[in-house]
């Protein structure tokens, strides 16, 4: 399945660019990890890095609220599984 950046839930399955201007991440969920210590990384247009590390293989990882991300942002590491990032509908 390819990345899907439409709607209020971004579905991420691999590296790439999130083609949105500034967006607010309210949280998320990473499922389908294949090993302990896998790292998902996003770097935003302001140079800030957001990392999430898996706990165990196939153990869901809850992503906390990140707030505003300066877009477009680049997914530089997505080793396995699928991430759902939940975007804010407003301010």
Protein backbone atom coordinates (compact mmCIF):
# COMPACT_ATOMS: atom_id res chain seq x y z
CA UNK A 1 0.00 0.00 0.00
CA UNK A 2 1.33 3.44 -0.91
CA UNK A 3 1.42 6.48 1.36
CA UNK A 4 -1.90 8.31 1.52
CA UNK A 5 -1.76 11.99 2.49
CA UNK A 6 -5.45 12.82 1.93
CA UNK A 7 -7.97 13.49 4.67
CA UNK A 8 -7.35 14.02 8.38
CA UNK A 9 -5.48 10.71 8.84
CA UNK A 10 -2.17 10.37 7.03
CA UNK A 11 -1.34 6.72 6.23
CA UNK A 12 2.40 6.14 5.93
CA UNK A 13 3.99 2.91 4.69
CA UNK A 14 7.35 4.12 3.35
CA UNK A 15 9.75 7.05 2.95
CA UNK A 16 8.66 10.08 0.96
CA UNK A 17 7.53 13.69 1.21
CA UNK A 18 4.34 14.75 2.96
CA UNK A 19 3.14 17.43 0.49
CA UNK A 20 1.24 19.54 3.00
CA UNK A 21 1.99 23.05 4.18
CA UNK A 22 2.01 23.42 7.96
CA UNK A 23 -0.07 20.75 9.70
CA UNK A 24 -0.82 19.83 13.31
CA UNK A 25 -0.30 16.24 14.48
CA UNK A 26 -2.67 15.29 17.31
CA UNK A 27 -1.17 11.80 17.70
CA UNK A 28 -0.97 8.54 15.86
CA UNK A 29 -0.43 4.79 15.86
CA UNK A 30 2.32 2.62 14.35
CA UNK A 31 1.38 -1.00 13.67
CA UNK A 32 3.19 -3.87 11.98
CA UNK A 33 6.72 -3.32 13.25
CA UNK A 34 9.00 -6.31 12.62
CA UNK A 35 11.71 -5.84 15.26
CA UNK A 36 12.62 -4.07 18.49
CA UNK A 37 14.31 -0.70 18.04
CA UNK A 38 13.02 0.22 14.59
CA UNK A 39 12.95 3.99 14.09
CA UNK A 40 10.41 6.08 12.17
CA UNK A 41 11.73 9.59 11.39
CA UNK A 42 10.19 12.76 9.95
CA UNK A 43 12.19 15.94 9.31
CA UNK A 44 10.13 19.08 8.81
CA UNK A 45 10.88 22.15 6.67
CA UNK A 46 12.27 23.97 9.72
CA UNK A 47 14.83 21.19 10.25
CA UNK A 48 13.16 19.66 13.31
CA UNK A 49 13.40 15.87 13.61
CA UNK A 50 10.62 13.69 15.03
CA UNK A 51 11.59 10.10 15.91
CA UNK A 52 9.53 7.19 17.18
CA UNK A 53 11.15 3.87 18.18
CA UNK A 54 9.39 0.50 18.26
CA UNK A 55 9.27 -1.42 21.53
CA UNK A 56 8.84 -4.97 20.26
CA UNK A 57 8.08 -6.72 16.99
CA UNK A 58 4.41 -6.35 16.04
CA UNK A 59 3.61 -4.26 19.12
CA UNK A 60 1.52 -1.12 18.46
CA UNK A 61 3.34 2.14 19.20
CA UNK A 62 1.24 5.12 20.26
CA UNK A 63 2.55 8.40 18.83
CA UNK A 64 2.02 11.40 21.12
CA UNK A 65 0.81 14.82 20.03
CA UNK A 66 3.61 16.62 18.15
CA UNK A 67 1.84 19.92 17.53
CA UNK A 68 2.62 21.96 14.42
CA UNK A 69 4.91 20.49 11.76
CA UNK A 70 6.37 22.87 9.17
CA UNK A 71 5.65 21.39 5.78
CA UNK A 72 6.42 19.94 3.49
CA UNK A 73 7.99 17.29 5.73
CA UNK A 74 10.16 14.37 4.67
CA UNK A 75 9.82 10.82 5.97
CA UNK A 76 13.46 9.75 6.08
CA UNK A 77 13.01 6.38 7.83
CA UNK A 78 10.05 3.98 7.75
CA UNK A 79 11.36 0.44 8.25
CA UNK A 80 8.11 -1.58 8.43
CA UNK A 81 4.39 -1.53 9.05
CA UNK A 82 1.95 1.35 8.76
CA UNK A 83 1.66 4.62 10.61
CA UNK A 84 -1.54 6.57 10.97
CA UNK A 85 -0.93 10.22 11.90
CA UNK A 86 -4.05 12.02 13.10
CA UNK A 87 -4.25 15.67 12.05
CA UNK A 88 -6.06 18.41 13.89
CA UNK A 89 -9.18 19.78 12.26
CA UNK A 90 -8.49 23.28 13.53
CA UNK A 91 -6.20 25.44 15.62
